[in-house]
Full PDB file with SEQRES, HELIX, SHEET, SSBOND, CRYST1, ORIGX, SCALE, CONECT and MASTER records, all heavy atoms in Angstrom:
SEQRES   1 A   35  ILE GLY ALA ARG ASP PHE ASP LEU TYR CYS ASN PHE ARG          
SEQRES   2 A   35  THR ALA GLY ILE ALA PHE GLY VAL ASP PRO GLY MET ARG          
SEQRES   3 A   35  GLU PHE LEU ARG ARG ALA PHE ARG ARG                          
HELIX    1 AA1 ALA A    3  TYR A    9  1                                   7    
HELIX    2 AA2 PHE A   12  ALA A   15  1                                   4    
HELIX    3 AA3 GLY A   16  ALA A   18  5                                   3    
HELIX    4 AA4 PRO A   23  ARG A   34  1                                  12    
CRYST1    1.000    1.000    1.000  90.00  90.00  90.00 P 1           1          
ORIGX1      1.000000  0.000000  0.000000        0.00000                         
ORIGX2      0.000000  1.000000  0.000000        0.00000                         
ORIGX3      0.000000  0.000000  1.000000        0.00000                         
SCALE1      1.000000  0.000000  0.000000        0.00000                         
SCALE2      0.000000  1.000000  0.000000        0.00000                         
SCALE3      0.000000  0.000000  1.000000        0.00000                         
ATOM      1  N   ILE A   1       9.690  -2.919   3.913  1.00  0.00           N  
ATOM      2  CA  ILE A   1       9.457  -2.757   2.474  1.00  0.00           C  
ATOM      3  C   ILE A   1      10.521  -1.825   1.903  1.00  0.00           C  
ATOM      4  O   ILE A   1      10.780  -0.757   2.473  1.00  0.00           O  
ATOM      5  CB  ILE A   1       8.046  -2.193   2.193  1.00  0.00           C  
ATOM      6  CG1 ILE A   1       6.968  -3.217   2.575  1.00  0.00           C  
ATOM      7  CG2 ILE A   1       7.890  -1.787   0.725  1.00  0.00           C  
ATOM      8  CD1 ILE A   1       5.551  -2.721   2.416  1.00  0.00           C  
ATOM      9  N   GLY A   2      11.132  -2.225   0.792  1.00  0.00           N  
ATOM     10  CA  GLY A   2      12.153  -1.413   0.147  1.00  0.00           C  
ATOM     11  C   GLY A   2      11.587  -0.495  -0.919  1.00  0.00           C  
ATOM     12  O   GLY A   2      10.381  -0.479  -1.182  1.00  0.00           O  
ATOM     13  N   ALA A   3      12.475   0.257  -1.580  1.00  0.00           N  
ATOM     14  CA  ALA A   3      12.048   1.280  -2.545  1.00  0.00           C  
ATOM     15  C   ALA A   3      11.319   0.686  -3.748  1.00  0.00           C  
ATOM     16  O   ALA A   3      10.281   1.203  -4.169  1.00  0.00           O  
ATOM     17  CB  ALA A   3      13.264   2.083  -3.003  1.00  0.00           C  
ATOM     18  N   ARG A   4      11.837  -0.402  -4.324  1.00  0.00           N  
ATOM     19  CA  ARG A   4      11.165  -0.995  -5.495  1.00  0.00           C  
ATOM     20  C   ARG A   4       9.834  -1.623  -5.109  1.00  0.00           C  
ATOM     21  O   ARG A   4       8.841  -1.474  -5.826  1.00  0.00           O  
ATOM     22  CB  ARG A   4      12.076  -2.024  -6.169  1.00  0.00           C  
ATOM     23  CG  ARG A   4      13.256  -1.422  -6.907  1.00  0.00           C  
ATOM     24  CD  ARG A   4      13.958  -2.448  -7.789  1.00  0.00           C  
ATOM     25  NE  ARG A   4      14.416  -3.612  -7.060  1.00  0.00           N  
ATOM     26  CZ  ARG A   4      15.597  -3.696  -6.424  1.00  0.00           C  
ATOM     27  NH1 ARG A   4      16.414  -2.665  -6.437  1.00  0.00           N  
ATOM     28  NH2 ARG A   4      15.936  -4.791  -5.800  1.00  0.00           N  
ATOM     29  N   ASP A   5       9.802  -2.308  -3.977  1.00  0.00           N  
ATOM     30  CA  ASP A   5       8.552  -2.906  -3.529  1.00  0.00           C  
ATOM     31  C   ASP A   5       7.526  -1.834  -3.145  1.00  0.00           C  
ATOM     32  O   ASP A   5       6.319  -2.052  -3.278  1.00  0.00           O  
ATOM     33  CB  ASP A   5       8.791  -3.845  -2.341  1.00  0.00           C  
ATOM     34  CG  ASP A   5       9.396  -5.171  -2.779  1.00  0.00           C  
ATOM     35  OD1 ASP A   5       9.436  -5.434  -3.988  1.00  0.00           O  
ATOM     36  OD2 ASP A   5       9.830  -5.940  -1.908  1.00  0.00           O  
ATOM     37  N   PHE A   6       7.988  -0.689  -2.711  1.00  0.00           N  
ATOM     38  CA  PHE A   6       7.084   0.428  -2.415  1.00  0.00           C  
ATOM     39  C   PHE A   6       6.241   0.754  -3.644  1.00  0.00           C  
ATOM     40  O   PHE A   6       5.034   0.962  -3.552  1.00  0.00           O  
ATOM     41  CB  PHE A   6       7.906   1.645  -1.985  1.00  0.00           C  
ATOM     42  CG  PHE A   6       7.089   2.861  -1.631  1.00  0.00           C  
ATOM     43  CD1 PHE A   6       6.224   2.847  -0.544  1.00  0.00           C  
ATOM     44  CD2 PHE A   6       7.209   4.021  -2.380  1.00  0.00           C  
ATOM     45  CE1 PHE A   6       5.481   3.979  -0.218  1.00  0.00           C  
ATOM     46  CE2 PHE A   6       6.470   5.153  -2.053  1.00  0.00           C  
ATOM     47  CZ  PHE A   6       5.612   5.134  -0.966  1.00  0.00           C  
ATOM     48  N   ASP A   7       6.880   0.754  -4.806  1.00  0.00           N  
ATOM     49  CA  ASP A   7       6.158   1.052  -6.044  1.00  0.00           C  
ATOM     50  C   ASP A   7       5.242  -0.089  -6.477  1.00  0.00           C  
ATOM     51  O   ASP A   7       4.299   0.128  -7.242  1.00  0.00           O  
ATOM     52  CB  ASP A   7       7.148   1.371  -7.166  1.00  0.00           C  
ATOM     53  CG  ASP A   7       7.882   2.684  -6.917  1.00  0.00           C  
ATOM     54  OD1 ASP A   7       7.318   3.566  -6.250  1.00  0.00           O  
ATOM     55  OD2 ASP A   7       9.025   2.821  -7.387  1.00  0.00           O  
ATOM     56  N   LEU A   8       5.494  -1.301  -5.993  1.00  0.00           N  
ATOM     57  CA  LEU A   8       4.610  -2.422  -6.288  1.00  0.00           C  
ATOM     58  C   LEU A   8       3.353  -2.391  -5.433  1.00  0.00           C  
ATOM     59  O   LEU A   8       2.282  -2.813  -5.869  1.00  0.00           O  
ATOM     60  CB  LEU A   8       5.335  -3.751  -6.058  1.00  0.00           C  
ATOM     61  CG  LEU A   8       6.419  -4.159  -7.056  1.00  0.00           C  
ATOM     62  CD1 LEU A   8       7.077  -5.449  -6.598  1.00  0.00           C  
ATOM     63  CD2 LEU A   8       5.833  -4.318  -8.453  1.00  0.00           C  
ATOM     64  N   TYR A   9       3.492  -1.903  -4.211  1.00  0.00           N  
ATOM     65  CA  TYR A   9       2.389  -1.960  -3.259  1.00  0.00           C  
ATOM     66  C   TYR A   9       1.576  -0.676  -3.162  1.00  0.00           C  
ATOM     67  O   TYR A   9       0.529  -0.657  -2.519  1.00  0.00           O  
ATOM     68  CB  TYR A   9       2.912  -2.347  -1.872  1.00  0.00           C  
ATOM     69  CG  TYR A   9       3.463  -3.738  -1.814  1.00  0.00           C  
ATOM     70  CD1 TYR A   9       4.770  -3.976  -1.419  1.00  0.00           C  
ATOM     71  CD2 TYR A   9       2.677  -4.831  -2.166  1.00  0.00           C  
ATOM     72  CE1 TYR A   9       5.288  -5.266  -1.373  1.00  0.00           C  
ATOM     73  CE2 TYR A   9       3.185  -6.120  -2.118  1.00  0.00           C  
ATOM     74  CZ  TYR A   9       4.493  -6.329  -1.714  1.00  0.00           C  
ATOM     75  OH  TYR A   9       4.997  -7.599  -1.667  1.00  0.00           O  
ATOM     76  N   CYS A  10       2.056   0.402  -3.766  1.00  0.00           N  
ATOM     77  CA  CYS A  10       1.267   1.635  -3.800  1.00  0.00           C  
ATOM     78  C   CYS A  10       1.724   2.487  -4.973  1.00  0.00           C  
ATOM     79  O   CYS A  10       2.785   2.253  -5.556  1.00  0.00           O  
ATOM     80  CB  CYS A  10       1.372   2.407  -2.482  1.00  0.00           C  
ATOM     81  SG  CYS A  10       2.911   3.312  -2.256  1.00  0.00           S  
ATOM     82  N   ASN A  11       0.913   3.459  -5.328  1.00  0.00           N  
ATOM     83  CA  ASN A  11       1.228   4.325  -6.477  1.00  0.00           C  
ATOM     84  C   ASN A  11       1.545   5.749  -6.032  1.00  0.00           C  
ATOM     85  O   ASN A  11       1.238   6.716  -6.724  1.00  0.00           O  
ATOM     86  CB  ASN A  11       0.073   4.321  -7.481  1.00  0.00           C  
ATOM     87  CG  ASN A  11      -1.226   4.870  -6.889  1.00  0.00           C  
ATOM     88  OD1 ASN A  11      -1.356   5.001  -5.668  1.00  0.00           O  
ATOM     89  ND2 ASN A  11      -2.174   5.185  -7.751  1.00  0.00           N  
ATOM     90  N   PHE A  12       2.164   5.876  -4.876  1.00  0.00           N  
ATOM     91  CA  PHE A  12       2.441   7.199  -4.308  1.00  0.00           C  
ATOM     92  C   PHE A  12       3.288   8.069  -5.240  1.00  0.00           C  
ATOM     93  O   PHE A  12       3.034   9.256  -5.392  1.00  0.00           O  
ATOM     94  CB  PHE A  12       3.141   7.052  -2.955  1.00  0.00           C  
ATOM     95  CG  PHE A  12       3.459   8.364  -2.301  1.00  0.00           C  
ATOM     96  CD1 PHE A  12       2.486   9.052  -1.582  1.00  0.00           C  
ATOM     97  CD2 PHE A  12       4.721   8.934  -2.405  1.00  0.00           C  
ATOM     98  CE1 PHE A  12       2.770  10.274  -0.985  1.00  0.00           C  
ATOM     99  CE2 PHE A  12       5.006  10.151  -1.812  1.00  0.00           C  
ATOM    100  CZ  PHE A  12       4.028  10.820  -1.099  1.00  0.00           C  
ATOM    101  N   ARG A  13       4.296   7.479  -5.866  1.00  0.00           N  
ATOM    102  CA  ARG A  13       5.204   8.291  -6.696  1.00  0.00           C  
ATOM    103  C   ARG A  13       4.499   8.885  -7.913  1.00  0.00           C  
ATOM    104  O   ARG A  13       4.923   9.916  -8.428  1.00  0.00           O  
ATOM    105  CB  ARG A  13       6.394   7.457  -7.148  1.00  0.00           C  
ATOM    106  CG  ARG A  13       7.328   7.048  -6.015  1.00  0.00           C  
ATOM    107  CD  ARG A  13       8.567   6.382  -6.602  1.00  0.00           C  
ATOM    108  NE  ARG A  13       9.129   5.385  -5.753  1.00  0.00           N  
ATOM    109  CZ  ARG A  13      10.043   5.618  -4.810  1.00  0.00           C  
ATOM    110  NH1 ARG A  13      10.447   6.842  -4.583  1.00  0.00           N  
ATOM    111  NH2 ARG A  13      10.522   4.629  -4.088  1.00  0.00           N  
ATOM    112  N   THR A  14       3.445   8.249  -8.379  1.00  0.00           N  
ATOM    113  CA  THR A  14       2.726   8.777  -9.541  1.00  0.00           C  
ATOM    114  C   THR A  14       1.454   9.528  -9.154  1.00  0.00           C  
ATOM    115  O   THR A  14       1.075  10.493  -9.811  1.00  0.00           O  
ATOM    116  CB  THR A  14       2.360   7.641 -10.522  1.00  0.00           C  
ATOM    117  OG1 THR A  14       1.597   6.646  -9.831  1.00  0.00           O  
ATOM    118  CG2 THR A  14       3.621   7.008 -11.102  1.00  0.00           C  
ATOM    119  N   ALA A  15       0.802   9.103  -8.081  1.00  0.00           N  
ATOM    120  CA  ALA A  15      -0.473   9.709  -7.698  1.00  0.00           C  
ATOM    121  C   ALA A  15      -0.342  10.759  -6.601  1.00  0.00           C  
ATOM    122  O   ALA A  15      -1.286  11.496  -6.335  1.00  0.00           O  
ATOM    123  CB  ALA A  15      -1.454   8.623  -7.253  1.00  0.00           C  
ATOM    124  N   GLY A  16       0.814  10.818  -5.939  1.00  0.00           N  
ATOM    125  CA  GLY A  16       0.980  11.779  -4.857  1.00  0.00           C  
ATOM    126  C   GLY A  16       0.082  11.458  -3.683  1.00  0.00           C  
ATOM    127  O   GLY A  16      -0.169  10.300  -3.368  1.00  0.00           O  
ATOM    128  N   ILE A  17      -0.479  12.501  -3.064  1.00  0.00           N  
ATOM    129  CA  ILE A  17      -1.243  12.302  -1.833  1.00  0.00           C  
ATOM    130  C   ILE A  17      -2.567  11.578  -2.065  1.00  0.00           C  
ATOM    131  O   ILE A  17      -3.211  11.138  -1.112  1.00  0.00           O  
ATOM    132  CB  ILE A  17      -1.498  13.639  -1.106  1.00  0.00           C  
ATOM    133  CG1 ILE A  17      -2.316  14.592  -1.985  1.00  0.00           C  
ATOM    134  CG2 ILE A  17      -0.188  14.269  -0.678  1.00  0.00           C  
ATOM    135  CD1 ILE A  17      -2.738  15.856  -1.261  1.00  0.00           C  
ATOM    136  N   ALA A  18      -2.957  11.425  -3.325  1.00  0.00           N  
ATOM    137  CA  ALA A  18      -4.181  10.667  -3.635  1.00  0.00           C  
ATOM    138  C   ALA A  18      -3.866   9.191  -3.881  1.00  0.00           C  
ATOM    139  O   ALA A  18      -4.664   8.479  -4.483  1.00  0.00           O  
ATOM    140  CB  ALA A  18      -4.860  11.266  -4.864  1.00  0.00           C  
ATOM    141  N   PHE A  19      -2.737   8.719  -3.385  1.00  0.00           N  
ATOM    142  CA  PHE A  19      -2.271   7.362  -3.683  1.00  0.00           C  
ATOM    143  C   PHE A  19      -3.179   6.283  -3.106  1.00  0.00           C  
ATOM    144  O   PHE A  19      -3.910   6.497  -2.142  1.00  0.00           O  
ATOM    145  CB  PHE A  19      -0.833   7.173  -3.181  1.00  0.00           C  
ATOM    146  CG  PHE A  19      -0.681   7.032  -1.687  1.00  0.00           C  
ATOM    147  CD1 PHE A  19      -0.416   5.786  -1.126  1.00  0.00           C  
ATOM    148  CD2 PHE A  19      -0.758   8.135  -0.839  1.00  0.00           C  
ATOM    149  CE1 PHE A  19      -0.245   5.647   0.244  1.00  0.00           C  
ATOM    150  CE2 PHE A  19      -0.593   8.006   0.532  1.00  0.00           C  
ATOM    151  CZ  PHE A  19      -0.332   6.760   1.078  1.00  0.00           C  
ATOM    152  N   GLY A  20      -3.120   5.122  -3.735  1.00  0.00           N  
ATOM    153  CA  GLY A  20      -3.825   3.947  -3.256  1.00  0.00           C  
ATOM    154  C   GLY A  20      -2.833   2.835  -2.939  1.00  0.00           C  
ATOM    155  O   GLY A  20      -1.661   2.913  -3.297  1.00  0.00           O  
ATOM    156  N   VAL A  21      -3.321   1.792  -2.276  1.00  0.00           N  
ATOM    157  CA  VAL A  21      -2.481   0.672  -1.839  1.00  0.00           C  
ATOM    158  C   VAL A  21      -2.978  -0.616  -2.479  1.00  0.00           C  
ATOM    159  O   VAL A  21      -4.184  -0.777  -2.716  1.00  0.00           O  
ATOM    160  CB  VAL A  21      -2.503   0.555  -0.293  1.00  0.00           C  
ATOM    161  CG1 VAL A  21      -1.787  -0.704   0.190  1.00  0.00           C  
ATOM    162  CG2 VAL A  21      -1.878   1.792   0.343  1.00  0.00           C  
ATOM    163  N   ASP A  22      -2.055  -1.520  -2.783  1.00  0.00           N  
ATOM    164  CA  ASP A  22      -2.403  -2.847  -3.293  1.00  0.00           C  
ATOM    165  C   ASP A  22      -3.537  -3.431  -2.448  1.00  0.00           C  
ATOM    166  O   ASP A  22      -3.445  -3.455  -1.212  1.00  0.00           O  
ATOM    167  CB  ASP A  22      -1.159  -3.747  -3.212  1.00  0.00           C  
ATOM    168  CG  ASP A  22      -1.465  -5.191  -3.541  1.00  0.00           C  
ATOM    169  OD1 ASP A  22      -1.501  -5.518  -4.727  1.00  0.00           O  
ATOM    170  OD2 ASP A  22      -1.671  -5.974  -2.592  1.00  0.00           O  
ATOM    171  N   PRO A  23      -4.631  -3.878  -3.068  1.00  0.00           N  
ATOM    172  CA  PRO A  23      -5.803  -4.318  -2.291  1.00  0.00           C  
ATOM    173  C   PRO A  23      -5.529  -5.482  -1.342  1.00  0.00           C  
ATOM    174  O   PRO A  23      -6.088  -5.535  -0.243  1.00  0.00           O  
ATOM    175  CB  PRO A  23      -6.826  -4.691  -3.363  1.00  0.00           C  
ATOM    176  CG  PRO A  23      -6.072  -4.805  -4.642  1.00  0.00           C  
ATOM    177  CD  PRO A  23      -4.880  -3.911  -4.522  1.00  0.00           C  
ATOM    178  N   GLY A  24      -4.676  -6.417  -1.756  1.00  0.00           N  
ATOM    179  CA  GLY A  24      -4.360  -7.529  -0.864  1.00  0.00           C  
ATOM    180  C   GLY A  24      -3.583  -7.075   0.361  1.00  0.00           C  
ATOM    181  O   GLY A  24      -3.842  -7.523   1.488  1.00  0.00           O  
ATOM    182  N   MET A  25      -2.617  -6.184   0.152  1.00  0.00           N  
ATOM    183  CA  MET A  25      -1.843  -5.638   1.263  1.00  0.00           C  
ATOM    184  C   MET A  25      -2.760  -4.851   2.201  1.00  0.00           C  
ATOM    185  O   MET A  25      -2.705  -5.003   3.426  1.00  0.00           O  
ATOM    186  CB  MET A  25      -0.736  -4.732   0.729  1.00  0.00           C  
ATOM    187  CG  MET A  25       0.069  -4.014   1.801  1.00  0.00           C  
ATOM    188  SD  MET A  25       1.117  -5.109   2.772  1.00  0.00           S  
ATOM    189  CE  MET A  25       2.550  -5.197   1.680  1.00  0.00           C  
ATOM    190  N   ARG A  26      -3.608  -4.035   1.606  1.00  0.00           N  
ATOM    191  CA  ARG A  26      -4.533  -3.214   2.405  1.00  0.00           C  
ATOM    192  C   ARG A  26      -5.432  -4.090   3.267  1.00  0.00           C  
ATOM    193  O   ARG A  26      -5.597  -3.826   4.467  1.00  0.00           O  
ATOM    194  CB  ARG A  26      -5.369  -2.335   1.478  1.00  0.00           C  
ATOM    195  CG  ARG A  26      -6.364  -1.426   2.173  1.00  0.00           C  
ATOM    196  CD  ARG A  26      -7.088  -0.550   1.156  1.00  0.00           C  
ATOM    197  NE  ARG A  26      -8.027   0.346   1.790  1.00  0.00           N  
ATOM    198  CZ  ARG A  26      -9.288   0.046   2.082  1.00  0.00           C  
ATOM    199  NH1 ARG A  26      -9.764  -1.164   1.764  1.00  0.00           N  
ATOM    200  NH2 ARG A  26     -10.084   0.924   2.657  1.00  0.00           N  
ATOM    201  N   GLU A  27      -5.994  -5.128   2.696  1.00  0.00           N  
ATOM    202  CA  GLU A  27      -6.906  -5.993   3.437  1.00  0.00           C  
ATOM    203  C   GLU A  27      -6.192  -6.729   4.558  1.00  0.00           C  
ATOM    204  O   GLU A  27      -6.716  -6.855   5.677  1.00  0.00           O  
ATOM    205  CB  GLU A  27      -7.578  -6.988   2.499  1.00  0.00           C  
ATOM    206  CG  GLU A  27      -8.516  -7.981   3.187  1.00  0.00           C  
ATOM    207  CD  GLU A  27      -9.596  -7.318   4.031  1.00  0.00           C  
ATOM    208  OE1 GLU A  27     -10.021  -6.197   3.697  1.00  0.00           O  
ATOM    209  OE2 GLU A  27      -9.997  -7.926   5.048  1.00  0.00           O  
ATOM    210  N   PHE A  28      -4.974  -7.214   4.287  1.00  0.00           N  
ATOM    211  CA  PHE A  28      -4.232  -7.930   5.316  1.00  0.00           C  
ATOM    212  C   PHE A  28      -3.915  -6.999   6.494  1.00  0.00           C  
ATOM    213  O   PHE A  28      -4.080  -7.373   7.665  1.00  0.00           O  
ATOM    214  CB  PHE A  28      -2.937  -8.507   4.732  1.00  0.00           C  
ATOM    215  CG  PHE A  28      -2.143  -9.302   5.720  1.00  0.00           C  
ATOM    216  CD1 PHE A  28      -2.561 -10.565   6.112  1.00  0.00           C  
ATOM    217  CD2 PHE A  28      -0.973  -8.795   6.268  1.00  0.00           C  
ATOM    218  CE1 PHE A  28      -1.841 -11.314   7.040  1.00  0.00           C  
ATOM    219  CE2 PHE A  28      -0.241  -9.527   7.189  1.00  0.00           C  
ATOM    220  CZ  PHE A  28      -0.673 -10.794   7.575  1.00  0.00           C  
ATOM    221  N   LEU A  29      -3.474  -5.778   6.200  1.00  0.00           N  
ATOM    222  CA  LEU A  29      -3.125  -4.840   7.268  1.00  0.00           C  
ATOM    223  C   LEU A  29      -4.365  -4.405   8.045  1.00  0.00           C  
ATOM    224  O   LEU A  29      -4.307  -4.228   9.265  1.00  0.00           O  
ATOM    225  CB  LEU A  29      -2.397  -3.626   6.693  1.00  0.00           C  
ATOM    226  CG  LEU A  29      -1.021  -3.925   6.085  1.00  0.00           C  
ATOM    227  CD1 LEU A  29      -0.398  -2.662   5.522  1.00  0.00           C  
ATOM    228  CD2 LEU A  29      -0.101  -4.576   7.107  1.00  0.00           C  
ATOM    229  N   ARG A  30      -5.474  -4.253   7.362  1.00  0.00           N  
ATOM    230  CA  ARG A  30      -6.709  -3.896   8.059  1.00  0.00           C  
ATOM    231  C   ARG A  30      -7.163  -5.029   8.987  1.00  0.00           C  
ATOM    232  O   ARG A  30      -7.639  -4.782  10.098  1.00  0.00           O  
ATOM    233  CB  ARG A  30      -7.808  -3.538   7.053  1.00  0.00           C  
ATOM    234  CG  ARG A  30      -7.565  -2.201   6.368  1.00  0.00           C  
ATOM    235  CD  ARG A  30      -8.570  -1.922   5.262  1.00  0.00           C  
ATOM    236  NE  ARG A  30      -9.867  -1.493   5.763  1.00  0.00           N  
ATOM    237  CZ  ARG A  30     -10.178  -0.246   6.092  1.00  0.00           C  
ATOM    238  NH1 ARG A  30      -9.261   0.704   6.014  1.00  0.00           N  
ATOM    239  NH2 ARG A  30     -11.389   0.057   6.502  1.00  0.00           N  
ATOM    240  N   ARG A  31      -7.003  -6.271   8.545  1.00  0.00           N  
ATOM    241  CA  ARG A  31      -7.356  -7.412   9.407  1.00  0.00           C  
ATOM    242  C   ARG A  31      -6.482  -7.430  10.655  1.00  0.00           C  
ATOM    243  O   ARG A  31      -6.972  -7.651  11.772  1.00  0.00           O  
ATOM    244  CB  ARG A  31      -7.209  -8.728   8.639  1.00  0.00           C  
ATOM    245  CG  ARG A  31      -8.353  -9.026   7.692  1.00  0.00           C  
ATOM    246  CD  ARG A  31      -8.340 -10.472   7.243  1.00  0.00           C  
ATOM    247  NE  ARG A  31      -7.302 -10.758   6.279  1.00  0.00           N  
ATOM    248  CZ  ARG A  31      -6.357 -11.680   6.419  1.00  0.00           C  
ATOM    249  NH1 ARG A  31      -6.317 -12.434   7.502  1.00  0.00           N  
ATOM    250  NH2 ARG A  31      -5.458 -11.889   5.473  1.00  0.00           N  
ATOM    251  N   ALA A  32      -5.181  -7.209  10.454  1.00  0.00           N  
ATOM    252  CA  ALA A  32      -4.253  -7.207  11.587  1.00  0.00           C  
ATOM    253  C   ALA A  32      -4.577  -6.074  12.551  1.00  0.00           C  
ATOM    254  O   ALA A  32      -4.562  -6.257  13.783  1.00  0.00           O  
ATOM    255  CB  ALA A  32      -2.820  -7.081  11.069  1.00  0.00           C  
ATOM    256  N   PHE A  33      -4.897  -4.908  12.002  1.00  0.00           N  
ATOM    257  CA  PHE A  33      -5.199  -3.758  12.853  1.00  0.00           C  
ATOM    258  C   PHE A  33      -6.491  -3.988  13.635  1.00  0.00           C  
ATOM    259  O   PHE A  33      -6.567  -3.682  14.828  1.00  0.00           O  
ATOM    260  CB  PHE A  33      -5.314  -2.489  11.998  1.00  0.00           C  
ATOM    261  CG  PHE A  33      -5.555  -1.251  12.807  1.00  0.00           C  
ATOM    262  CD1 PHE A  33      -4.506  -0.601  13.434  1.00  0.00           C  
ATOM    263  CD2 PHE A  33      -6.847  -0.749  12.968  1.00  0.00           C  
ATOM    264  CE1 PHE A  33      -4.737   0.540  14.204  1.00  0.00           C  
ATOM    265  CE2 PHE A  33      -7.084   0.384  13.729  1.00  0.00           C  
ATOM    266  CZ  PHE A  33      -6.018   1.033  14.346  1.00  0.00           C  
ATOM    267  N   ARG A  34      -7.506  -4.516  12.968  1.00  0.00           N  
ATOM    268  CA  ARG A  34      -8.789  -4.758  13.651  1.00  0.00           C  
ATOM    269  C   ARG A  34      -8.644  -5.735  14.808  1.00  0.00           C  
ATOM    270  O   ARG A  34      -9.389  -5.660  15.788  1.00  0.00           O  
ATOM    271  CB  ARG A  34      -9.817  -5.304  12.656  1.00  0.00           C  
ATOM    272  CG  ARG A  34     -10.403  -4.259  11.709  1.00  0.00           C  
ATOM    273  CD  ARG A  34     -11.608  -4.828  10.981  1.00  0.00           C  
ATOM    274  NE  ARG A  34     -12.129  -3.932   9.973  1.00  0.00           N  
ATOM    275  CZ  ARG A  34     -11.937  -4.075   8.664  1.00  0.00           C  
ATOM    276  NH1 ARG A  34     -11.208  -5.088   8.195  1.00  0.00           N  
ATOM    277  NH2 ARG A  34     -12.452  -3.214   7.808  1.00  0.00           N  
ATOM    278  N   ARG A  35      -7.698  -6.663  14.702  1.00  0.00           N  
ATOM    279  CA  ARG A  35      -7.476  -7.629  15.781  1.00  0.00           C  
ATOM    280  C   ARG A  35      -6.698  -7.017  16.937  1.00  0.00           C  
ATOM    281  O   ARG A  35      -6.502  -7.664  17.964  1.00  0.00           O  
ATOM    282  CB  ARG A  35      -6.730  -8.862  15.262  1.00  0.00           C  
ATOM    283  CG  ARG A  35      -7.574  -9.765  14.382  1.00  0.00           C  
ATOM    284  CD  ARG A  35      -7.002 -11.168  14.343  1.00  0.00           C  
ATOM    285  NE  ARG A  35      -7.039 -11.805  15.660  1.00  0.00           N  
ATOM    286  CZ  ARG A  35      -8.073 -12.443  16.173  1.00  0.00           C  
ATOM    287  NH1 ARG A  35      -9.206 -12.517  15.495  1.00  0.00           N  
ATOM    288  NH2 ARG A  35      -8.008 -12.982  17.365  1.00  0.00           N  
TER     289      ARG A  35                                                      
MASTER        0    0    0    4    0    0    0    6  288    1    0    3          
END                                                                             
């Protein structure tokens, strides 16, 4: 993931340590991790 896409998939630059992640990305990564 590059710098511009980073801002598409999470709000870290604006929210800081309270950042959240794009729900679709989060769900896909959680599925992969659980497997």
